[in-house]
PDB file of N, CA and C in Angstrom:
ATOM      1  N   UNK A   1     -49.740  38.576  43.412  1.00  0.00           N
ATOM      2  CA  UNK A   1     -49.978  38.412  41.985  1.00  0.00           C
ATOM      3  C   UNK A   1     -49.413  37.070  41.574  1.00  0.00           C
ATOM      4  N   UNK A   2     -49.928  36.537  40.525  1.00  0.00           N
ATOM      5  CA  UNK A   2     -49.473  35.252  40.022  1.00  0.00           C
ATOM      6  C   UNK A   2     -49.206  35.354  38.525  1.00  0.00           C
ATOM      7  N   UNK A   3     -48.985  34.230  37.929  1.00  0.00           N
ATOM      8  CA  UNK A   3     -48.724  34.165  36.497  1.00  0.00           C
ATOM      9  C   UNK A   3     -49.815  33.352  35.832  1.00  0.00           C
ATOM     10  N   UNK A   4     -50.357  33.876  34.774  1.00  0.00           N
ATOM     11  CA  UNK A   4     -51.336  33.163  33.953  1.00  0.00           C
ATOM     12  C   UNK A   4     -50.675  32.822  32.625  1.00  0.00           C
ATOM     13  N   UNK A   5     -50.887  31.609  32.145  1.00  0.00           N
ATOM     14  CA  UNK A   5     -50.332  31.152  30.866  1.00  0.00           C
ATOM     15  C   UNK A   5     -51.462  30.572  30.028  1.00  0.00           C
ATOM     16  N   UNK A   6     -51.558  31.007  28.802  1.00  0.00           N
ATOM     17  CA  UNK A   6     -52.496  30.359  27.885  1.00  0.00           C
ATOM     18  C   UNK A   6     -51.943  30.431  26.465  1.00  0.00           C
ATOM     19  N   UNK A   7     -52.338  29.446  25.681  1.00  0.00           N
ATOM     20  CA  UNK A   7     -51.866  29.377  24.305  1.00  0.00           C
ATOM     21  C   UNK A   7     -52.945  29.898  23.372  1.00  0.00           C
ATOM     22  N   UNK A   8     -52.568  30.832  22.521  1.00  0.00           N
ATOM     23  CA  UNK A   8     -53.449  31.425  21.522  1.00  0.00           C
ATOM     24  C   UNK A   8     -53.202  30.686  20.208  1.00  0.00           C
ATOM     25  N   UNK A   9     -54.077  29.728  19.899  1.00  0.00           N
ATOM     26  CA  UNK A   9     -53.911  28.912  18.689  1.00  0.00           C
ATOM     27  C   UNK A   9     -53.913  29.739  17.414  1.00  0.00           C
ATOM     28  N   UNK A  10     -54.789  30.725  17.347  1.00  0.00           N
ATOM     29  CA  UNK A  10     -54.941  31.519  16.129  1.00  0.00           C
ATOM     30  C   UNK A  10     -53.646  32.238  15.757  1.00  0.00           C
ATOM     31  N   UNK A  11     -52.907  32.701  16.751  1.00  0.00           N
ATOM     32  CA  UNK A  11     -51.673  33.454  16.500  1.00  0.00           C
ATOM     33  C   UNK A  11     -50.409  32.682  16.846  1.00  0.00           C
ATOM     34  N   UNK A  12     -50.569  31.438  17.241  1.00  0.00           N
ATOM     35  CA  UNK A  12     -49.447  30.576  17.630  1.00  0.00           C
ATOM     36  C   UNK A  12     -48.552  31.268  18.652  1.00  0.00           C
ATOM     37  N   UNK A  13     -49.197  31.801  19.698  1.00  0.00           N
ATOM     38  CA  UNK A  13     -48.489  32.530  20.740  1.00  0.00           C
ATOM     39  C   UNK A  13     -48.784  31.933  22.111  1.00  0.00           C
ATOM     40  N   UNK A  14     -47.739  31.840  22.919  1.00  0.00           N
ATOM     41  CA  UNK A  14     -47.908  31.539  24.327  1.00  0.00           C
ATOM     42  C   UNK A  14     -47.984  32.889  25.035  1.00  0.00           C
ATOM     43  N   UNK A  15     -49.107  33.165  25.649  1.00  0.00           N
ATOM     44  CA  UNK A  15     -49.342  34.446  26.310  1.00  0.00           C
ATOM     45  C   UNK A  15     -49.099  34.282  27.811  1.00  0.00           C
ATOM     46  N   UNK A  16     -48.199  35.098  28.345  1.00  0.00           N
ATOM     47  CA  UNK A  16     -47.927  35.115  29.773  1.00  0.00           C
ATOM     48  C   UNK A  16     -48.434  36.435  30.332  1.00  0.00           C
ATOM     49  N   UNK A  17     -49.129  36.380  31.453  1.00  0.00           N
ATOM     50  CA  UNK A  17     -49.689  37.584  32.066  1.00  0.00           C
ATOM     51  C   UNK A  17     -49.447  37.549  33.569  1.00  0.00           C
ATOM     52  N   UNK A  18     -49.069  38.691  34.118  1.00  0.00           N
ATOM     53  CA  UNK A  18     -48.834  38.793  35.558  1.00  0.00           C
ATOM     54  C   UNK A  18     -47.356  38.923  35.858  1.00  0.00           C
ATOM     55  N   UNK A  19     -46.891  38.133  36.819  1.00  0.00           N
ATOM     56  CA  UNK A  19     -45.502  38.198  37.256  1.00  0.00           C
ATOM     57  C   UNK A  19     -44.682  37.046  36.692  1.00  0.00           C
ATOM     58  N   UNK A  20     -43.581  37.368  36.069  1.00  0.00           N
ATOM     59  CA  UNK A  20     -42.623  36.347  35.631  1.00  0.00           C
ATOM     60  C   UNK A  20     -41.400  36.517  36.535  1.00  0.00           C
ATOM     61  N   UNK A  21     -41.536  35.971  37.744  1.00  0.00           N
ATOM     62  CA  UNK A  21     -40.505  36.114  38.773  1.00  0.00           C
ATOM     63  C   UNK A  21     -40.074  34.745  39.269  1.00  0.00           C
ATOM     64  N   UNK A  22     -39.126  34.744  40.178  1.00  0.00           N
ATOM     65  CA  UNK A  22     -38.595  33.497  40.719  1.00  0.00           C
ATOM     66  C   UNK A  22     -39.698  32.584  41.253  1.00  0.00           C
ATOM     67  N   UNK A  23     -40.769  33.168  41.739  1.00  0.00           N
ATOM     68  CA  UNK A  23     -41.863  32.387  42.304  1.00  0.00           C
ATOM     69  C   UNK A  23     -42.746  31.740  41.243  1.00  0.00           C
ATOM     70  N   UNK A  24     -42.615  32.168  39.999  1.00  0.00           N
ATOM     71  CA  UNK A  24     -43.498  31.698  38.937  1.00  0.00           C
ATOM     72  C   UNK A  24     -42.780  30.985  37.790  1.00  0.00           C
ATOM     73  N   UNK A  25     -41.445  30.932  37.819  1.00  0.00           N
ATOM     74  CA  UNK A  25     -40.728  30.399  36.658  1.00  0.00           C
ATOM     75  C   UNK A  25     -41.027  28.924  36.391  1.00  0.00           C
ATOM     76  N   UNK A  26     -41.288  28.133  37.409  1.00  0.00           N
ATOM     77  CA  UNK A  26     -41.580  26.711  37.173  1.00  0.00           C
ATOM     78  C   UNK A  26     -42.845  26.555  36.332  1.00  0.00           C
ATOM     79  N   UNK A  27     -43.862  27.343  36.643  1.00  0.00           N
ATOM     80  CA  UNK A  27     -45.115  27.294  35.877  1.00  0.00           C
ATOM     81  C   UNK A  27     -44.871  27.744  34.436  1.00  0.00           C
ATOM     82  N   UNK A  28     -44.128  28.826  34.267  1.00  0.00           N
ATOM     83  CA  UNK A  28     -43.846  29.337  32.925  1.00  0.00           C
ATOM     84  C   UNK A  28     -42.997  28.351  32.130  1.00  0.00           C
ATOM     85  N   UNK A  29     -42.022  27.747  32.790  1.00  0.00           N
ATOM     86  CA  UNK A  29     -41.139  26.790  32.110  1.00  0.00           C
ATOM     87  C   UNK A  29     -41.933  25.607  31.568  1.00  0.00           C
ATOM     88  N   UNK A  30     -42.864  25.097  32.351  1.00  0.00           N
ATOM     89  CA  UNK A  30     -43.696  23.978  31.900  1.00  0.00           C
ATOM     90  C   UNK A  30     -44.534  24.376  30.685  1.00  0.00           C
ATOM     91  N   UNK A  31     -45.114  25.572  30.712  1.00  0.00           N
ATOM     92  CA  UNK A  31     -45.924  26.042  29.581  1.00  0.00           C
ATOM     93  C   UNK A  31     -45.060  26.218  28.336  1.00  0.00           C
ATOM     94  N   UNK A  32     -43.849  26.730  28.510  1.00  0.00           N
ATOM     95  CA  UNK A  32     -42.947  26.926  27.378  1.00  0.00           C
ATOM     96  C   UNK A  32     -42.535  25.594  26.759  1.00  0.00           C
ATOM     97  N   UNK A  33     -42.298  24.602  27.599  1.00  0.00           N
ATOM     98  CA  UNK A  33     -41.916  23.279  27.086  1.00  0.00           C
ATOM     99  C   UNK A  33     -43.051  22.660  26.265  1.00  0.00           C
ATOM    100  N   UNK A  34     -44.288  22.927  26.658  1.00  0.00           N
ATOM    101  CA  UNK A  34     -45.450  22.388  25.941  1.00  0.00           C
ATOM    102  C   UNK A  34     -45.695  23.079  24.604  1.00  0.00           C
ATOM    103  N   UNK A  35     -45.098  24.261  24.398  1.00  0.00           N
ATOM    104  CA  UNK A  35     -45.355  25.041  23.188  1.00  0.00           C
ATOM    105  C   UNK A  35     -44.053  25.497  22.532  1.00  0.00           C
ATOM    106  N   UNK A  36     -43.109  24.594  22.438  1.00  0.00           N
ATOM    107  CA  UNK A  36     -41.804  24.900  21.840  1.00  0.00           C
ATOM    108  C   UNK A  36     -41.983  25.500  20.450  1.00  0.00           C
ATOM    109  N   UNK A  37     -41.182  26.524  20.175  1.00  0.00           N
ATOM    110  CA  UNK A  37     -41.190  27.163  18.871  1.00  0.00           C
ATOM    111  C   UNK A  37     -42.241  28.243  18.697  1.00  0.00           C
ATOM    112  N   UNK A  38     -43.101  28.426  19.673  1.00  0.00           N
ATOM    113  CA  UNK A  38     -44.162  29.430  19.571  1.00  0.00           C
ATOM    114  C   UNK A  38     -43.614  30.840  19.801  1.00  0.00           C
ATOM    115  N   UNK A  39     -44.414  31.807  19.476  1.00  0.00           N
ATOM    116  CA  UNK A  39     -44.109  33.201  19.802  1.00  0.00           C
ATOM    117  C   UNK A  39     -44.431  33.402  21.272  1.00  0.00           C
ATOM    118  N   UNK A  40     -43.575  34.111  21.960  1.00  0.00           N
ATOM    119  CA  UNK A  40     -43.764  34.372  23.377  1.00  0.00           C
ATOM    120  C   UNK A  40     -44.316  35.784  23.562  1.00  0.00           C
ATOM    121  N   UNK A  41     -45.568  35.871  23.928  1.00  0.00           N
ATOM    122  CA  UNK A  41     -46.254  37.143  24.084  1.00  0.00           C
ATOM    123  C   UNK A  41     -46.147  37.587  25.545  1.00  0.00           C
ATOM    124  N   UNK A  42     -45.415  38.673  25.781  1.00  0.00           N
ATOM    125  CA  UNK A  42     -45.208  39.205  27.126  1.00  0.00           C
ATOM    126  C   UNK A  42     -45.914  40.550  27.314  1.00  0.00           C
ATOM    127  N   UNK A  43     -46.914  40.823  26.505  1.00  0.00           N
ATOM    128  CA  UNK A  43     -47.593  42.120  26.546  1.00  0.00           C
ATOM    129  C   UNK A  43     -48.329  42.371  27.858  1.00  0.00           C
ATOM    130  N   UNK A  44     -48.625  41.311  28.596  1.00  0.00           N
ATOM    131  CA  UNK A  44     -49.366  41.465  29.842  1.00  0.00           C
ATOM    132  C   UNK A  44     -48.510  41.198  31.077  1.00  0.00           C
ATOM    133  N   UNK A  45     -47.190  41.165  30.919  1.00  0.00           N
ATOM    134  CA  UNK A  45     -46.297  40.957  32.064  1.00  0.00           C
ATOM    135  C   UNK A  45     -46.198  42.255  32.864  1.00  0.00           C
ATOM    136  N   UNK A  46     -46.429  42.139  34.166  1.00  0.00           N
ATOM    137  CA  UNK A  46     -46.383  43.299  35.054  1.00  0.00           C
ATOM    138  C   UNK A  46     -45.077  43.397  35.831  1.00  0.00           C
ATOM    139  N   UNK A  47     -44.393  42.258  36.010  1.00  0.00           N
ATOM    140  CA  UNK A  47     -43.141  42.238  36.765  1.00  0.00           C
ATOM    141  C   UNK A  47     -42.251  41.150  36.178  1.00  0.00           C
ATOM    142  N   UNK A  48     -40.981  41.470  36.036  1.00  0.00           N
ATOM    143  CA  UNK A  48     -40.003  40.538  35.483  1.00  0.00           C
ATOM    144  C   UNK A  48     -38.720  40.709  36.280  1.00  0.00           C
ATOM    145  N   UNK A  49     -38.218  39.612  36.859  1.00  0.00           N
ATOM    146  CA  UNK A  49     -36.982  39.701  37.633  1.00  0.00           C
ATOM    147  C   UNK A  49     -35.881  38.883  36.949  1.00  0.00           C
ATOM    148  N   UNK A  50     -34.756  38.730  37.635  1.00  0.00           N
ATOM    149  CA  UNK A  50     -33.614  38.023  37.066  1.00  0.00           C
ATOM    150  C   UNK A  50     -33.917  36.574  36.714  1.00  0.00           C
ATOM    151  N   UNK A  51     -34.696  35.900  37.545  1.00  0.00           N
ATOM    152  CA  UNK A  51     -35.055  34.508  37.259  1.00  0.00           C
ATOM    153  C   UNK A  51     -35.923  34.427  36.004  1.00  0.00           C
ATOM    154  N   UNK A  52     -36.855  35.359  35.868  1.00  0.00           N
ATOM    155  CA  UNK A  52     -37.692  35.396  34.672  1.00  0.00           C
ATOM    156  C   UNK A  52     -36.879  35.696  33.432  1.00  0.00           C
ATOM    157  N   UNK A  53     -35.923  36.587  33.569  1.00  0.00           N
ATOM    158  CA  UNK A  53     -35.037  36.939  32.467  1.00  0.00           C
ATOM    159  C   UNK A  53     -34.219  35.728  32.025  1.00  0.00           C
ATOM    160  N   UNK A  54     -33.691  34.990  32.985  1.00  0.00           N
ATOM    161  CA  UNK A  54     -32.933  33.775  32.664  1.00  0.00           C
ATOM    162  C   UNK A  54     -33.812  32.767  31.935  1.00  0.00           C
ATOM    163  N   UNK A  55     -35.059  32.641  32.382  1.00  0.00           N
ATOM    164  CA  UNK A  55     -35.978  31.712  31.740  1.00  0.00           C
ATOM    165  C   UNK A  55     -36.253  32.114  30.295  1.00  0.00           C
ATOM    166  N   UNK A  56     -36.414  33.409  30.039  1.00  0.00           N
ATOM    167  CA  UNK A  56     -36.644  33.862  28.665  1.00  0.00           C
ATOM    168  C   UNK A  56     -35.476  33.491  27.756  1.00  0.00           C
ATOM    169  N   UNK A  57     -34.261  33.707  28.252  1.00  0.00           N
ATOM    170  CA  UNK A  57     -33.086  33.375  27.455  1.00  0.00           C
ATOM    171  C   UNK A  57     -32.984  31.877  27.213  1.00  0.00           C
ATOM    172  N   UNK A  58     -33.257  31.094  28.243  1.00  0.00           N
ATOM    173  CA  UNK A  58     -33.210  29.631  28.095  1.00  0.00           C
ATOM    174  C   UNK A  58     -34.300  29.144  27.145  1.00  0.00           C
ATOM    175  N   UNK A  59     -35.475  29.731  27.227  1.00  0.00           N
ATOM    176  CA  UNK A  59     -36.574  29.320  26.348  1.00  0.00           C
ATOM    177  C   UNK A  59     -36.240  29.596  24.888  1.00  0.00           C
ATOM    178  N   UNK A  60     -35.593  30.699  24.658  1.00  0.00           N
ATOM    179  CA  UNK A  60     -35.190  31.032  23.286  1.00  0.00           C
ATOM    180  C   UNK A  60     -34.139  30.040  22.785  1.00  0.00           C
ATOM    181  N   UNK A  61     -33.175  29.752  23.633  1.00  0.00           N
ATOM    182  CA  UNK A  61     -32.083  28.865  23.265  1.00  0.00           C
ATOM    183  C   UNK A  61     -32.514  27.397  23.206  1.00  0.00           C
ATOM    184  N   UNK A  62     -33.261  26.942  24.196  1.00  0.00           N
ATOM    185  CA  UNK A  62     -33.531  25.511  24.350  1.00  0.00           C
ATOM    186  C   UNK A  62     -34.787  25.012  23.644  1.00  0.00           C
ATOM    187  N   UNK A  63     -35.829  25.826  23.567  1.00  0.00           N
ATOM    188  CA  UNK A  63     -37.072  25.358  22.946  1.00  0.00           C
ATOM    189  C   UNK A  63     -37.527  26.226  21.786  1.00  0.00           C
ATOM    190  N   UNK A  64     -36.666  27.148  21.354  1.00  0.00           N
ATOM    191  CA  UNK A  64     -36.944  27.922  20.144  1.00  0.00           C
ATOM    192  C   UNK A  64     -38.072  28.924  20.260  1.00  0.00           C
ATOM    193  N   UNK A  65     -38.351  29.408  21.473  1.00  0.00           N
ATOM    194  CA  UNK A  65     -39.376  30.448  21.622  1.00  0.00           C
ATOM    195  C   UNK A  65     -38.913  31.687  20.866  1.00  0.00           C
ATOM    196  N   UNK A  66     -39.873  32.365  20.241  1.00  0.00           N
ATOM    197  CA  UNK A  66     -39.561  33.569  19.481  1.00  0.00           C
ATOM    198  C   UNK A  66     -40.159  34.782  20.183  1.00  0.00           C
ATOM    199  N   UNK A  67     -39.442  35.908  20.213  1.00  0.00           N
ATOM    200  CA  UNK A  67     -39.954  37.102  20.875  1.00  0.00           C
ATOM    201  C   UNK A  67     -41.217  37.623  20.210  1.00  0.00           C
ATOM    202  N   UNK A  68     -42.136  38.085  21.036  1.00  0.00           N
ATOM    203  CA  UNK A  68     -43.371  38.677  20.550  1.00  0.00           C
ATOM    204  C   UNK A  68     -43.635  39.988  21.263  1.00  0.00           C
ATOM    205  N   UNK A  69     -44.898  40.366  21.385  1.00  0.00           N
ATOM    206  CA  UNK A  69     -45.245  41.636  22.029  1.00  0.00           C
ATOM    207  C   UNK A  69     -44.728  41.703  23.468  1.00  0.00           C
ATOM    208  N   UNK A  70     -44.347  42.913  23.886  1.00  0.00           N
ATOM    209  CA  UNK A  70     -43.804  43.140  25.227  1.00  0.00           C
ATOM    210  C   UNK A  70     -44.591  44.210  25.966  1.00  0.00           C
ATOM    211  N   UNK A  71     -44.718  44.043  27.261  1.00  0.00           N
ATOM    212  CA  UNK A  71     -45.258  45.104  28.101  1.00  0.00           C
ATOM    213  C   UNK A  71     -44.145  46.120  28.344  1.00  0.00           C
ATOM    214  N   UNK A  72     -44.509  47.275  28.849  1.00  0.00           N
ATOM    215  CA  UNK A  72     -43.502  48.281  29.191  1.00  0.00           C
ATOM    216  C   UNK A  72     -42.547  47.754  30.254  1.00  0.00           C
ATOM    217  N   UNK A  73     -43.073  47.003  31.219  1.00  0.00           N
ATOM    218  CA  UNK A  73     -42.235  46.450  32.288  1.00  0.00           C
ATOM    219  C   UNK A  73     -41.216  45.457  31.721  1.00  0.00           C
ATOM    220  N   UNK A  74     -41.657  44.566  30.849  1.00  0.00           N
ATOM    221  CA  UNK A  74     -40.752  43.587  30.255  1.00  0.00           C
ATOM    222  C   UNK A  74     -39.723  44.278  29.367  1.00  0.00           C
ATOM    223  N   UNK A  75     -40.164  45.247  28.585  1.00  0.00           N
ATOM    224  CA  UNK A  75     -39.255  45.968  27.703  1.00  0.00           C
ATOM    225  C   UNK A  75     -38.176  46.687  28.513  1.00  0.00           C
ATOM    226  N   UNK A  76     -38.554  47.314  29.613  1.00  0.00           N
ATOM    227  CA  UNK A  76     -37.589  48.046  30.438  1.00  0.00           C
ATOM    228  C   UNK A  76     -36.512  47.117  30.997  1.00  0.00           C
ATOM    229  N   UNK A  77     -36.910  45.950  31.481  1.00  0.00           N
ATOM    230  CA  UNK A  77     -35.939  45.002  32.040  1.00  0.00           C
ATOM    231  C   UNK A  77     -35.024  44.470  30.948  1.00  0.00           C
ATOM    232  N   UNK A  78     -35.579  44.123  29.799  1.00  0.00           N
ATOM    233  CA  UNK A  78     -34.759  43.612  28.702  1.00  0.00           C
ATOM    234  C   UNK A  78     -33.767  44.657  28.209  1.00  0.00           C
ATOM    235  N   UNK A  79     -34.200  45.893  28.100  1.00  0.00           N
ATOM    236  CA  UNK A  79     -33.286  46.958  27.685  1.00  0.00           C
ATOM    237  C   UNK A  79     -32.195  47.180  28.732  1.00  0.00           C
ATOM    238  N   UNK A  80     -32.567  47.172  29.999  1.00  0.00           N
ATOM    239  CA  UNK A  80     -31.610  47.349  31.081  1.00  0.00           C
ATOM    240  C   UNK A  80     -30.551  46.247  31.070  1.00  0.00           C
ATOM    241  N   UNK A  81     -30.962  45.047  30.707  1.00  0.00           N
ATOM    242  CA  UNK A  81     -30.049  43.912  30.651  1.00  0.00           C
ATOM    243  C   UNK A  81     -29.216  43.889  29.363  1.00  0.00           C
ATOM    244  N   UNK A  82     -29.463  44.835  28.463  1.00  0.00           N
ATOM    245  CA  UNK A  82     -28.707  44.884  27.214  1.00  0.00           C
ATOM    246  C   UNK A  82     -29.163  43.865  26.192  1.00  0.00           C
ATOM    247  N   UNK A  83     -30.419  43.455  26.285  1.00  0.00           N
ATOM    248  CA  UNK A  83     -30.954  42.445  25.375  1.00  0.00           C
ATOM    249  C   UNK A  83     -31.855  43.086  24.327  1.00  0.00           C
ATOM    250  N   UNK A  84     -31.268  44.000  23.576  1.00  0.00           N
ATOM    251  CA  UNK A  84     -32.004  44.738  22.565  1.00  0.00           C
ATOM    252  C   UNK A  84     -32.631  43.881  21.491  1.00  0.00           C
ATOM    253  N   UNK A  85     -32.079  42.704  21.236  1.00  0.00           N
ATOM    254  CA  UNK A  85     -32.659  41.841  20.204  1.00  0.00           C
ATOM    255  C   UNK A  85     -34.073  41.406  20.564  1.00  0.00           C
ATOM    256  N   UNK A  86     -34.420  41.413  21.841  1.00  0.00           N
ATOM    257  CA  UNK A  86     -35.776  41.062  22.258  1.00  0.00           C
ATOM    258  C   UNK A  86     -36.737  42.206  22.011  1.00  0.00           C
ATOM    259  N   UNK A  87     -36.232  43.425  21.962  1.00  0.00           N
ATOM    260  CA  UNK A  87     -37.120  44.577  21.794  1.00  0.00           C
ATOM    261  C   UNK A  87     -36.912  45.281  20.453  1.00  0.00           C
ATOM    262  N   UNK A  88     -36.156  44.664  19.574  1.00  0.00           N
ATOM    263  CA  UNK A  88     -35.960  45.224  18.255  1.00  0.00           C
ATOM    264  C   UNK A  88     -34.974  46.384  18.209  1.00  0.00           C
ATOM    265  N   UNK A  89     -34.119  46.462  19.216  1.00  0.00           N
ATOM    266  CA  UNK A  89     -33.113  47.508  19.256  1.00  0.00           C
ATOM    267  C   UNK A  89     -31.748  46.862  19.451  1.00  0.00           C
ATOM    268  N   UNK A  90     -30.729  47.533  18.978  1.00  0.00           N
ATOM    269  CA  UNK A  90     -29.385  47.014  19.202  1.00  0.00           C
ATOM    270  C   UNK A  90     -28.989  47.234  20.641  1.00  0.00           C
ATOM    271  N   UNK A  91     -28.329  46.235  21.208  1.00  0.00           N
ATOM    272  CA  UNK A  91     -27.895  46.322  22.609  1.00  0.00           C
ATOM    273  C   UNK A  91     -26.702  47.221  22.740  1.00  0.00           C
TER     274      UNK A  91
END
């Protein structure tokens, strides 16, 4: 599996689909840098590992990405990591 990135102009969202893992973070990081401040749509993420999690935190801190829709897989990892602010719940 790979990672697909596309920007949804109508909703000002960077949509990531597939795997956000150590093997794909460079591609995701480049897309995030090109769309600083956008909403980050993770509704189509199928796998998220520690490297992907680190990238999400850095994107929020460094380029102002804002949390958007989440897949069940992304939500589970974020909750497990105690990052309730990404899923609208207290950690």
